[in-house]
Amino acid sequence: MSDSSSGDGAPRDITGLLRAWRAGDHCAGDQVMQLVYDELHRQAARAMRGEDVAHTLQPTALVNEAYLRLVDQTRIEWRNRAQFFGVAAQVMRRILVDHARERRADKRGGGVAAVSLNDAVHGGDQALAADGIDVLLLHDAIERLSTFDEMQARMIELRYFAGLSLEETAEALETSTSTVKREWVVARAWLRQQLDGA
């Protein structure tokens, strides 16, 4: 995920725009969203893949809701593009979980959204890819993992909800790619065990 280029071929500095946004430049925030909208939409579609066709929340609505929450993030020290997409992943996860909880309450336990783990998460493991996963089960698993390994929980969130590569995940977590590769193997195995037992 590199910074986008402007129409004249000059690279646009996403990190600079993020910092200007943080400093109160609302125009910079609008520019960031224009530059990253397509990627956010891909994230939303990926996060919602495998959901029931009757699902009432569509990727565009998820992106729009995420945007409204992101523009309200005045306390974040924006550092780089990977960190931005990491925050976007957290926001989308919260929206999907809130939506699933509302649907569960409305249907008295039925109709909870199922999501499919993308290739980045399961690495080709059909045990995780075969069926949709209840978004609340995935959320609960991430929450449990965060109680004893925050980094691995963030990795799952960044890889699944943001679709970040191992290298981008390392950048977002401010650690080495080799550390992420090593921890990812453990996190993925732990998640597979948790979801298989659900």
N, C-alpha and C. Protein backbone atom coordinates (compact mmCIF):
# COMPACT_ATOMS: atom_id res chain seq x y z
N MET A 1 0.83 -1.17 0.00
CA MET A 1 0.00 0.00 0.00
C MET A 1 0.88 1.24 0.00
N SER A 2 1.20 1.75 -1.15
CA SER A 2 2.02 2.94 -1.19
C SER A 2 1.12 4.15 -1.35
N ASP A 3 1.69 5.34 -1.10
CA ASP A 3 0.90 6.55 -1.27
C ASP A 3 0.46 6.67 -2.71
N SER A 4 -0.73 7.24 -2.92
CA SER A 4 -1.28 7.41 -4.25
C SER A 4 -0.54 8.53 -4.96
N SER A 5 -0.77 8.60 -6.29
CA SER A 5 -0.21 9.68 -7.08
C SER A 5 -1.32 10.59 -7.52
N SER A 6 -1.00 11.85 -7.71
CA SER A 6 -1.97 12.78 -8.23
C SER A 6 -2.10 12.59 -9.72
N GLY A 7 -3.07 13.25 -10.33
CA GLY A 7 -3.31 13.10 -11.76
C GLY A 7 -2.11 13.47 -12.60
N ASP A 8 -1.24 14.37 -12.10
CA ASP A 8 -0.08 14.78 -12.90
C ASP A 8 1.13 13.89 -12.64
N GLY A 9 0.92 12.80 -11.91
CA GLY A 9 2.00 11.85 -11.68
C GLY A 9 2.79 12.11 -10.42
N ALA A 10 2.60 13.27 -9.78
CA ALA A 10 3.33 13.58 -8.55
C ALA A 10 2.71 12.80 -7.40
N PRO A 11 3.55 12.14 -6.58
CA PRO A 11 3.00 11.37 -5.48
C PRO A 11 2.32 12.27 -4.46
N ARG A 12 1.22 11.82 -3.93
CA ARG A 12 0.55 12.55 -2.86
C ARG A 12 1.02 11.96 -1.55
N ASP A 13 1.39 12.80 -0.65
CA ASP A 13 1.93 12.37 0.63
C ASP A 13 0.80 12.11 1.61
N ILE A 14 0.37 10.84 1.70
CA ILE A 14 -0.72 10.47 2.60
C ILE A 14 -0.33 10.80 4.04
N THR A 15 0.91 10.49 4.40
CA THR A 15 1.35 10.73 5.77
C THR A 15 1.27 12.22 6.09
N GLY A 16 1.72 13.07 5.17
CA GLY A 16 1.64 14.52 5.38
C GLY A 16 0.21 14.99 5.51
N LEU A 17 -0.68 14.45 4.67
CA LEU A 17 -2.09 14.81 4.75
C LEU A 17 -2.70 14.36 6.07
N LEU A 18 -2.32 13.16 6.53
CA LEU A 18 -2.83 12.66 7.80
C LEU A 18 -2.41 13.58 8.95
N ARG A 19 -1.17 14.02 8.90
CA ARG A 19 -0.68 14.91 9.96
C ARG A 19 -1.37 16.26 9.91
N ALA A 20 -1.61 16.76 8.69
CA ALA A 20 -2.32 18.03 8.55
C ALA A 20 -3.75 17.89 9.06
N TRP A 21 -4.37 16.75 8.77
CA TRP A 21 -5.72 16.48 9.26
C TRP A 21 -5.74 16.50 10.77
N ARG A 22 -4.75 15.84 11.37
CA ARG A 22 -4.64 15.79 12.83
C ARG A 22 -4.48 17.18 13.42
N ALA A 23 -3.81 18.05 12.67
CA ALA A 23 -3.58 19.42 13.13
C ALA A 23 -4.81 20.31 12.94
N GLY A 24 -5.88 19.75 12.38
CA GLY A 24 -7.11 20.50 12.25
C GLY A 24 -7.48 20.92 10.84
N ASP A 25 -6.69 20.51 9.85
CA ASP A 25 -6.98 20.88 8.45
C ASP A 25 -8.03 19.91 7.90
N HIS A 26 -9.28 20.35 7.90
CA HIS A 26 -10.37 19.49 7.44
C HIS A 26 -10.28 19.19 5.95
N CYS A 27 -9.71 20.10 5.18
CA CYS A 27 -9.51 19.86 3.75
C CYS A 27 -8.55 18.68 3.54
N ALA A 28 -7.53 18.58 4.40
CA ALA A 28 -6.59 17.46 4.31
C ALA A 28 -7.31 16.15 4.60
N GLY A 29 -8.24 16.17 5.56
CA GLY A 29 -9.04 14.98 5.85
C GLY A 29 -9.87 14.55 4.66
N ASP A 30 -10.46 15.53 3.99
CA ASP A 30 -11.24 15.22 2.78
C ASP A 30 -10.35 14.63 1.70
N GLN A 31 -9.13 15.18 1.55
CA GLN A 31 -8.21 14.66 0.55
C GLN A 31 -7.79 13.23 0.87
N VAL A 32 -7.54 12.96 2.14
CA VAL A 32 -7.18 11.59 2.55
C VAL A 32 -8.30 10.64 2.17
N MET A 33 -9.52 11.01 2.49
CA MET A 33 -10.63 10.10 2.21
C MET A 33 -10.81 9.88 0.71
N GLN A 34 -10.59 10.92 -0.10
CA GLN A 34 -10.68 10.74 -1.54
C GLN A 34 -9.61 9.76 -2.03
N LEU A 35 -8.41 9.88 -1.46
CA LEU A 35 -7.31 9.03 -1.89
C LEU A 35 -7.47 7.59 -1.44
N VAL A 36 -8.08 7.37 -0.28
CA VAL A 36 -8.13 6.02 0.28
C VAL A 36 -9.52 5.38 0.16
N TYR A 37 -10.50 6.09 -0.40
CA TYR A 37 -11.87 5.57 -0.43
C TYR A 37 -11.95 4.19 -1.09
N ASP A 38 -11.31 4.04 -2.25
CA ASP A 38 -11.39 2.76 -2.96
C ASP A 38 -10.82 1.62 -2.12
N GLU A 39 -9.71 1.89 -1.43
CA GLU A 39 -9.11 0.85 -0.58
C GLU A 39 -10.01 0.55 0.60
N LEU A 40 -10.62 1.57 1.19
CA LEU A 40 -11.56 1.33 2.29
C LEU A 40 -12.75 0.50 1.80
N HIS A 41 -13.20 0.77 0.60
CA HIS A 41 -14.33 0.01 0.05
C HIS A 41 -13.92 -1.45 -0.16
N ARG A 42 -12.68 -1.68 -0.63
CA ARG A 42 -12.19 -3.07 -0.78
C ARG A 42 -12.13 -3.75 0.59
N GLN A 43 -11.66 -3.01 1.61
CA GLN A 43 -11.62 -3.57 2.97
C GLN A 43 -13.02 -3.95 3.43
N ALA A 44 -13.97 -3.05 3.20
CA ALA A 44 -15.34 -3.31 3.64
C ALA A 44 -15.91 -4.52 2.92
N ALA A 45 -15.70 -4.61 1.63
CA ALA A 45 -16.21 -5.75 0.86
C ALA A 45 -15.56 -7.04 1.35
N ARG A 46 -14.26 -7.00 1.62
CA ARG A 46 -13.53 -8.17 2.10
C ARG A 46 -14.05 -8.60 3.48
N ALA A 47 -14.27 -7.62 4.35
CA ALA A 47 -14.75 -7.92 5.70
C ALA A 47 -16.15 -8.50 5.68
N MET A 48 -16.93 -8.15 4.67
CA MET A 48 -18.33 -8.59 4.61
C MET A 48 -18.53 -9.78 3.67
N ARG A 49 -17.46 -10.24 3.02
CA ARG A 49 -17.58 -11.35 2.10
C ARG A 49 -18.17 -12.56 2.81
N GLY A 50 -19.09 -13.22 2.16
CA GLY A 50 -19.68 -14.42 2.74
C GLY A 50 -20.91 -14.15 3.58
N GLU A 51 -21.26 -12.86 3.72
CA GLU A 51 -22.45 -12.57 4.51
C GLU A 51 -23.71 -12.89 3.72
N ASP A 52 -24.73 -13.14 4.42
CA ASP A 52 -26.06 -13.42 3.90
C ASP A 52 -26.50 -12.32 2.94
N VAL A 53 -27.06 -12.69 1.79
CA VAL A 53 -27.48 -11.70 0.79
C VAL A 53 -28.54 -10.76 1.34
N ALA A 54 -29.26 -11.17 2.36
CA ALA A 54 -30.29 -10.32 2.95
C ALA A 54 -29.70 -9.34 3.98
N HIS A 55 -28.39 -9.39 4.15
CA HIS A 55 -27.74 -8.51 5.12
C HIS A 55 -28.07 -7.06 4.78
N THR A 56 -28.41 -6.27 5.78
CA THR A 56 -28.87 -4.91 5.53
C THR A 56 -27.74 -3.89 5.44
N LEU A 57 -26.55 -4.25 5.87
CA LEU A 57 -25.42 -3.33 5.80
C LEU A 57 -24.57 -3.68 4.59
N GLN A 58 -24.43 -2.77 3.67
CA GLN A 58 -23.65 -2.98 2.45
C GLN A 58 -22.28 -2.34 2.60
N PRO A 59 -21.28 -2.77 1.78
CA PRO A 59 -19.94 -2.19 1.91
C PRO A 59 -19.91 -0.66 1.84
N THR A 60 -20.68 -0.06 0.94
CA THR A 60 -20.68 1.40 0.83
C THR A 60 -21.18 2.04 2.12
N ALA A 61 -22.23 1.46 2.71
CA ALA A 61 -22.75 1.99 3.98
C ALA A 61 -21.71 1.82 5.08
N LEU A 62 -20.98 0.70 5.07
CA LEU A 62 -19.94 0.45 6.06
C LEU A 62 -18.82 1.49 5.92
N VAL A 63 -18.40 1.77 4.68
CA VAL A 63 -17.36 2.78 4.44
C VAL A 63 -17.85 4.15 4.91
N ASN A 64 -19.09 4.50 4.57
CA ASN A 64 -19.61 5.81 4.96
C ASN A 64 -19.68 5.96 6.48
N GLU A 65 -20.13 4.91 7.17
CA GLU A 65 -20.18 4.95 8.63
C GLU A 65 -18.77 5.03 9.21
N ALA A 66 -17.84 4.26 8.62
CA ALA A 66 -16.45 4.31 9.08
C ALA A 66 -15.88 5.71 8.87
N TYR A 67 -16.17 6.33 7.74
CA TYR A 67 -15.70 7.68 7.46
C TYR A 67 -16.17 8.65 8.54
N LEU A 68 -17.46 8.58 8.87
CA LEU A 68 -18.00 9.49 9.88
C LEU A 68 -17.28 9.31 11.22
N ARG A 69 -16.94 8.08 11.54
CA ARG A 69 -16.22 7.84 12.80
C ARG A 69 -14.76 8.25 12.70
N LEU A 70 -14.15 8.04 11.52
CA LEU A 70 -12.74 8.40 11.35
C LEU A 70 -12.53 9.92 11.41
N VAL A 71 -13.44 10.68 10.83
CA VAL A 71 -13.26 12.14 10.85
C VAL A 71 -13.38 12.68 12.26
N ASP A 72 -13.92 11.89 13.17
CA ASP A 72 -14.06 12.31 14.55
C ASP A 72 -12.85 11.90 15.41
N GLN A 73 -11.84 11.32 14.78
CA GLN A 73 -10.66 10.82 15.51
C GLN A 73 -9.64 11.95 15.67
N THR A 74 -9.89 12.85 16.58
CA THR A 74 -9.00 13.99 16.76
C THR A 74 -7.84 13.70 17.71
N ARG A 75 -7.92 12.61 18.44
CA ARG A 75 -6.87 12.30 19.42
C ARG A 75 -5.77 11.42 18.86
N ILE A 76 -5.88 10.99 17.61
CA ILE A 76 -4.90 10.07 17.05
C ILE A 76 -3.74 10.84 16.44
N GLU A 77 -2.53 10.41 16.76
CA GLU A 77 -1.33 10.95 16.12
C GLU A 77 -1.10 10.15 14.84
N TRP A 78 -1.60 10.63 13.72
CA TRP A 78 -1.44 9.91 12.45
C TRP A 78 0.03 9.85 12.09
N ARG A 79 0.54 8.64 11.82
CA ARG A 79 1.94 8.46 11.49
C ARG A 79 2.15 8.05 10.04
N ASN A 80 1.31 7.16 9.53
CA ASN A 80 1.52 6.68 8.17
C ASN A 80 0.25 6.00 7.65
N ARG A 81 0.29 5.62 6.42
CA ARG A 81 -0.85 5.01 5.74
C ARG A 81 -1.27 3.69 6.41
N ALA A 82 -0.29 2.85 6.75
CA ALA A 82 -0.61 1.56 7.38
C ALA A 82 -1.36 1.76 8.69
N GLN A 83 -0.92 2.75 9.48
CA GLN A 83 -1.60 3.02 10.74
C GLN A 83 -3.03 3.49 10.48
N PHE A 84 -3.22 4.33 9.45
CA PHE A 84 -4.57 4.80 9.11
C PHE A 84 -5.48 3.61 8.79
N PHE A 85 -4.98 2.68 7.96
CA PHE A 85 -5.81 1.53 7.61
C PHE A 85 -6.02 0.60 8.81
N GLY A 86 -5.07 0.60 9.73
CA GLY A 86 -5.26 -0.16 10.96
C GLY A 86 -6.39 0.40 11.80
N VAL A 87 -6.44 1.73 11.91
CA VAL A 87 -7.53 2.38 12.65
C VAL A 87 -8.85 2.14 11.92
N ALA A 88 -8.82 2.24 10.58
CA ALA A 88 -10.03 1.98 9.80
C ALA A 88 -10.53 0.56 10.03
N ALA A 89 -9.60 -0.40 10.13
CA ALA A 89 -9.99 -1.78 10.39
C ALA A 89 -10.68 -1.91 11.75
N GLN A 90 -10.15 -1.23 12.76
CA GLN A 90 -10.79 -1.26 14.08
C GLN A 90 -12.19 -0.68 14.02
N VAL A 91 -12.33 0.43 13.32
CA VAL A 91 -13.63 1.09 13.21
C VAL A 91 -14.62 0.18 12.49
N MET A 92 -14.20 -0.42 11.38
CA MET A 92 -15.10 -1.31 10.63
C MET A 92 -15.50 -2.53 11.47
N ARG A 93 -14.54 -3.04 12.21
CA ARG A 93 -14.84 -4.19 13.07
C ARG A 93 -15.92 -3.82 14.08
N ARG A 94 -15.77 -2.65 14.72
CA ARG A 94 -16.77 -2.22 15.71
C ARG A 94 -18.15 -2.05 15.08
N ILE A 95 -18.18 -1.47 13.88
CA ILE A 95 -19.46 -1.27 13.19
C ILE A 95 -20.11 -2.61 12.88
N LEU A 96 -19.33 -3.56 12.36
CA LEU A 96 -19.88 -4.88 12.02
C LEU A 96 -20.37 -5.61 13.27
N VAL A 97 -19.62 -5.50 14.35
CA VAL A 97 -20.03 -6.16 15.60
C VAL A 97 -21.31 -5.52 16.14
N ASP A 98 -21.36 -4.18 16.14
CA ASP A 98 -22.58 -3.50 16.61
C ASP A 98 -23.78 -3.90 15.76
N HIS A 99 -23.57 -3.97 14.45
CA HIS A 99 -24.66 -4.33 13.54
C HIS A 99 -25.11 -5.78 13.80
N ALA A 100 -24.14 -6.68 13.99
CA ALA A 100 -24.48 -8.08 14.25
C ALA A 100 -25.24 -8.22 15.57
N ARG A 101 -24.83 -7.45 16.58
CA ARG A 101 -25.54 -7.51 17.87
C ARG A 101 -26.97 -7.01 17.73
N GLU A 102 -27.15 -5.93 16.97
CA GLU A 102 -28.51 -5.41 16.75
C GLU A 102 -29.37 -6.44 16.02
N ARG A 103 -28.80 -7.09 15.02
CA ARG A 103 -29.56 -8.10 14.27
C ARG A 103 -29.91 -9.28 15.16
N ARG A 104 -28.95 -9.67 16.02
CA ARG A 104 -29.21 -10.78 16.92
C ARG A 104 -30.34 -10.42 17.88
N ALA A 105 -30.31 -9.21 18.40
CA ALA A 105 -31.38 -8.77 19.31
C ALA A 105 -32.72 -8.71 18.60
N ASP A 106 -32.71 -8.21 17.35
CA ASP A 106 -33.94 -8.10 16.58
C ASP A 106 -34.54 -9.47 16.27
N LYS A 107 -33.66 -10.44 16.04
CA LYS A 107 -34.15 -11.76 15.63
C LYS A 107 -34.09 -12.77 16.76
N ARG A 108 -33.85 -12.29 17.97
CA ARG A 108 -33.79 -13.16 19.16
C ARG A 108 -32.83 -14.34 18.96
N GLY A 109 -31.61 -13.99 18.53
CA GLY A 109 -30.58 -15.02 18.42
C GLY A 109 -30.39 -15.56 17.03
N GLY A 110 -31.23 -15.21 16.08
CA GLY A 110 -31.07 -15.72 14.73
C GLY A 110 -30.52 -14.66 13.80
N GLY A 111 -30.08 -15.09 12.64
CA GLY A 111 -29.70 -14.17 11.59
C GLY A 111 -28.45 -13.36 11.84
N VAL A 112 -27.52 -13.83 12.66
CA VAL A 112 -26.29 -13.09 12.88
C VAL A 112 -25.41 -13.23 11.65
N ALA A 113 -24.81 -12.12 11.27
CA ALA A 113 -23.99 -12.10 10.05
C ALA A 113 -22.82 -13.06 10.15
N ALA A 114 -22.59 -13.79 9.07
CA ALA A 114 -21.42 -14.66 8.97
C ALA A 114 -20.45 -14.02 8.01
N VAL A 115 -19.18 -14.08 8.31
CA VAL A 115 -18.16 -13.54 7.43
C VAL A 115 -17.18 -14.66 7.11
N SER A 116 -16.51 -14.53 5.96
CA SER A 116 -15.50 -15.50 5.58
C SER A 116 -14.13 -14.90 5.84
N LEU A 117 -13.23 -15.69 6.37
CA LEU A 117 -11.87 -15.20 6.56
C LEU A 117 -11.19 -15.22 5.20
N ASN A 118 -10.53 -14.11 4.86
CA ASN A 118 -9.91 -14.04 3.54
C ASN A 118 -8.59 -14.80 3.52
N ASP A 119 -8.01 -14.90 2.34
CA ASP A 119 -6.77 -15.65 2.18
C ASP A 119 -5.63 -15.13 3.04
N ALA A 120 -5.63 -13.83 3.31
CA ALA A 120 -4.55 -13.28 4.13
C ALA A 120 -4.56 -13.88 5.52
N VAL A 121 -5.74 -14.19 6.04
CA VAL A 121 -5.84 -14.72 7.39
C VAL A 121 -5.58 -16.21 7.42
N HIS A 122 -6.26 -16.96 6.57
CA HIS A 122 -6.13 -18.40 6.69
C HIS A 122 -5.00 -18.97 5.87
N GLY A 123 -4.38 -18.17 5.02
CA GLY A 123 -3.22 -18.63 4.27
C GLY A 123 -3.50 -19.89 3.49
N GLY A 124 -4.70 -20.00 2.95
CA GLY A 124 -5.06 -21.17 2.18
C GLY A 124 -5.63 -22.29 3.02
N ASP A 125 -5.79 -22.09 4.30
CA ASP A 125 -6.30 -23.13 5.19
C ASP A 125 -7.81 -23.25 5.02
N GLN A 126 -8.25 -24.33 4.41
CA GLN A 126 -9.68 -24.50 4.14
C GLN A 126 -10.49 -24.73 5.41
N ALA A 127 -9.85 -25.10 6.49
CA ALA A 127 -10.58 -25.28 7.74
C ALA A 127 -11.19 -23.98 8.21
N LEU A 128 -10.54 -22.87 7.88
CA LEU A 128 -11.09 -21.57 8.24
C LEU A 128 -11.91 -20.96 7.12
N ALA A 129 -11.70 -21.41 5.90
CA ALA A 129 -12.35 -20.77 4.77
C ALA A 129 -13.64 -21.44 4.34
N ALA A 130 -13.87 -22.67 4.76
CA ALA A 130 -14.99 -23.44 4.24
C ALA A 130 -16.34 -22.79 4.44
N ASP A 131 -16.60 -22.30 5.61
CA ASP A 131 -17.90 -21.72 5.91
C ASP A 131 -17.73 -20.32 6.45
N GLY A 132 -18.83 -19.56 6.41
CA GLY A 132 -18.81 -18.24 6.99
C GLY A 132 -18.64 -18.35 8.50
N ILE A 133 -17.97 -17.35 9.06
CA ILE A 133 -17.74 -17.30 10.50
C ILE A 133 -18.64 -16.20 11.06
N ASP A 134 -19.32 -16.49 12.14
CA ASP A 134 -20.14 -15.49 12.82
C ASP A 134 -19.21 -14.36 13.25
N VAL A 135 -19.54 -13.12 12.83
CA VAL A 135 -18.67 -11.99 13.13
C VAL A 135 -18.53 -11.79 14.64
N LEU A 136 -19.54 -12.16 15.40
CA LEU A 136 -19.43 -12.03 16.86
C LEU A 136 -18.46 -13.06 17.44
N LEU A 137 -18.42 -14.26 16.86
CA LEU A 137 -17.45 -15.26 17.31
C LEU A 137 -16.03 -14.79 17.01
N LEU A 138 -15.84 -14.23 15.82
CA LEU A 138 -14.53 -13.71 15.44
C LEU A 138 -14.13 -12.57 16.38
N HIS A 139 -15.05 -11.67 16.64
CA HIS A 139 -14.79 -10.55 17.56
C HIS A 139 -14.42 -11.07 18.95
N ASP A 140 -15.21 -12.02 19.46
CA ASP A 140 -14.94 -12.57 20.79
C ASP A 140 -13.57 -13.24 20.84
N ALA A 141 -13.20 -13.94 19.77
CA ALA A 141 -11.89 -14.60 19.73
C ALA A 141 -10.77 -13.55 19.78
N ILE A 142 -10.92 -12.47 19.01
CA ILE A 142 -9.91 -11.41 19.01
C ILE A 142 -9.83 -10.77 20.40
N GLU A 143 -10.98 -10.55 21.03
CA GLU A 143 -10.99 -9.96 22.37
C GLU A 143 -10.28 -10.88 23.38
N ARG A 144 -10.55 -12.19 23.31
CA ARG A 144 -9.88 -13.14 24.23
C ARG A 144 -8.37 -13.10 24.01
N LEU A 145 -7.97 -13.13 22.75
CA LEU A 145 -6.54 -13.12 22.45
C LEU A 145 -5.88 -11.84 22.97
N SER A 146 -6.58 -10.72 22.87
CA SER A 146 -5.99 -9.45 23.30
C SER A 146 -5.71 -9.41 24.80
N THR A 147 -6.37 -10.28 25.58
CA THR A 147 -6.12 -10.28 27.02
C THR A 147 -4.75 -10.85 27.37
N PHE A 148 -4.18 -11.67 26.49
CA PHE A 148 -2.85 -12.20 26.78
C PHE A 148 -1.83 -11.96 25.69
N ASP A 149 -2.24 -11.51 24.49
CA ASP A 149 -1.28 -11.15 23.46
C ASP A 149 -1.88 -10.10 22.55
N GLU A 150 -1.70 -8.85 22.94
CA GLU A 150 -2.27 -7.72 22.20
C GLU A 150 -1.74 -7.66 20.77
N MET A 151 -0.45 -7.93 20.59
CA MET A 151 0.13 -7.85 19.25
C MET A 151 -0.53 -8.85 18.30
N GLN A 152 -0.71 -10.09 18.75
CA GLN A 152 -1.33 -11.09 17.88
C GLN A 152 -2.79 -10.73 17.58
N ALA A 153 -3.48 -10.19 18.55
CA ALA A 153 -4.87 -9.76 18.32
C ALA A 153 -4.91 -8.66 17.27
N ARG A 154 -4.00 -7.71 17.38
CA ARG A 154 -3.94 -6.63 16.38
C ARG A 154 -3.58 -7.17 15.00
N MET A 155 -2.70 -8.17 14.96
CA MET A 155 -2.34 -8.78 13.67
C MET A 155 -3.57 -9.36 12.98
N ILE A 156 -4.36 -10.10 13.72
CA ILE A 156 -5.57 -10.69 13.14
C ILE A 156 -6.48 -9.59 12.62
N GLU A 157 -6.65 -8.55 13.41
CA GLU A 157 -7.52 -7.45 13.00
C GLU A 157 -6.97 -6.76 11.74
N LEU A 158 -5.68 -6.48 11.73
CA LEU A 158 -5.07 -5.80 10.59
C LEU A 158 -5.09 -6.66 9.34
N ARG A 159 -4.82 -7.93 9.50
CA ARG A 159 -4.77 -8.83 8.34
C ARG A 159 -6.17 -9.10 7.81
N TYR A 160 -7.14 -9.31 8.71
CA TYR A 160 -8.49 -9.64 8.25
C TYR A 160 -9.28 -8.40 7.85
N PHE A 161 -9.44 -7.47 8.76
CA PHE A 161 -10.30 -6.33 8.48
C PHE A 161 -9.66 -5.30 7.55
N ALA A 162 -8.34 -5.11 7.64
CA ALA A 162 -7.68 -4.15 6.76
C ALA A 162 -7.06 -4.83 5.54
N GLY A 163 -6.86 -6.14 5.60
CA GLY A 163 -6.25 -6.84 4.48
C GLY A 163 -4.79 -6.47 4.26
N LEU A 164 -4.12 -6.03 5.34
CA LEU A 164 -2.72 -5.63 5.19
C LEU A 164 -1.83 -6.84 4.98
N SER A 165 -0.78 -6.65 4.21
CA SER A 165 0.23 -7.69 4.02
C SER A 165 1.04 -7.83 5.31
N LEU A 166 1.90 -8.83 5.37
CA LEU A 166 2.76 -8.99 6.54
C LEU A 166 3.66 -7.76 6.73
N GLU A 167 4.18 -7.24 5.62
CA GLU A 167 5.06 -6.07 5.68
C GLU A 167 4.29 -4.84 6.18
N GLU A 168 3.08 -4.64 5.66
CA GLU A 168 2.27 -3.49 6.09
C GLU A 168 1.83 -3.64 7.54
N THR A 169 1.56 -4.88 7.95
CA THR A 169 1.20 -5.13 9.34
C THR A 169 2.37 -4.77 10.25
N ALA A 170 3.59 -5.14 9.83
CA ALA A 170 4.79 -4.80 10.61
C ALA A 170 4.93 -3.29 10.72
N GLU A 171 4.67 -2.57 9.62
CA GLU A 171 4.76 -1.11 9.64
C GLU A 171 3.72 -0.52 10.59
N ALA A 172 2.50 -1.01 10.53
CA ALA A 172 1.44 -0.50 11.39
C ALA A 172 1.72 -0.76 12.86
N LEU A 173 2.35 -1.91 13.15
CA LEU A 173 2.66 -2.28 14.53
C LEU A 173 4.03 -1.78 14.98
N GLU A 174 4.74 -1.15 14.05
CA GLU A 174 6.07 -0.62 14.33
C GLU A 174 7.00 -1.70 14.87
N THR A 175 7.05 -2.80 14.12
CA THR A 175 7.95 -3.89 14.48
C THR A 175 8.53 -4.47 13.19
N SER A 176 9.35 -5.47 13.31
CA SER A 176 9.98 -6.05 12.11
C SER A 176 9.06 -7.05 11.42
N THR A 177 9.29 -7.20 10.13
CA THR A 177 8.51 -8.17 9.36
C THR A 177 8.77 -9.58 9.86
N SER A 178 10.01 -9.88 10.25
CA SER A 178 10.32 -11.22 10.75
C SER A 178 9.55 -11.52 12.03
N THR A 179 9.38 -10.52 12.89
CA THR A 179 8.59 -10.71 14.12
C THR A 179 7.14 -10.99 13.76
N VAL A 180 6.60 -10.21 12.83
CA VAL A 180 5.21 -10.42 12.42
C VAL A 180 5.03 -11.81 11.80
N LYS A 181 5.96 -12.23 10.95
CA LYS A 181 5.85 -13.56 10.34
C LYS A 181 5.83 -14.65 11.41
N ARG A 182 6.71 -14.54 12.38
CA ARG A 182 6.79 -15.53 13.45
C ARG A 182 5.51 -15.53 14.30
N GLU A 183 5.06 -14.35 14.70
CA GLU A 183 3.87 -14.24 15.55
C GLU A 183 2.60 -14.60 14.79
N TRP A 184 2.60 -14.35 13.49
CA TRP A 184 1.41 -14.63 12.68
C TRP A 184 1.11 -16.13 12.64
N VAL A 185 2.14 -16.94 12.55
CA VAL A 185 1.95 -18.39 12.53
C VAL A 185 1.22 -18.84 13.79
N VAL A 186 1.64 -18.32 14.92
CA VAL A 186 1.04 -18.68 16.21
C VAL A 186 -0.39 -18.13 16.31
N ALA A 187 -0.58 -16.86 15.93
CA ALA A 187 -1.90 -16.24 16.01
C ALA A 187 -2.90 -16.95 15.12
N ARG A 188 -2.49 -17.31 13.91
CA ARG A 188 -3.39 -17.98 12.98
C ARG A 188 -3.78 -19.36 13.50
N ALA A 189 -2.82 -20.08 14.08
CA ALA A 189 -3.12 -21.40 14.64
C ALA A 189 -4.08 -21.28 15.82
N TRP A 190 -3.84 -20.27 16.66
CA TRP A 190 -4.72 -20.06 17.82
C TRP A 190 -6.13 -19.73 17.36
N LEU A 191 -6.26 -18.85 16.36
CA LEU A 191 -7.58 -18.47 15.85
C LEU A 191 -8.28 -19.67 15.24
N ARG A 192 -7.56 -20.48 14.49
CA ARG A 192 -8.16 -21.68 13.89
C ARG A 192 -8.72 -22.59 14.97
N GLN A 193 -7.95 -22.79 16.05
CA GLN A 193 -8.40 -23.64 17.15
C GLN A 193 -9.66 -23.07 17.82
N GLN A 194 -9.68 -21.76 18.03
CA GLN A 194 -10.83 -21.13 18.67
C GLN A 194 -12.08 -21.24 17.81
N LEU A 195 -11.95 -21.00 16.52
CA LEU A 195 -13.13 -21.02 15.66
C LEU A 195 -13.59 -22.43 15.35
N ASP A 196 -12.67 -23.37 15.30
CA ASP A 196 -13.05 -24.78 15.09
C ASP A 196 -13.85 -25.30 16.28
N GLY A 197 -13.52 -24.78 17.48
CA GLY A 197 -14.20 -25.25 18.69
C GLY A 197 -15.49 -24.52 18.98
N ALA A 198 -15.80 -23.49 18.17
CA ALA A 198 -16.99 -22.68 18.44
C ALA A 198 -18.26 -23.37 17.99
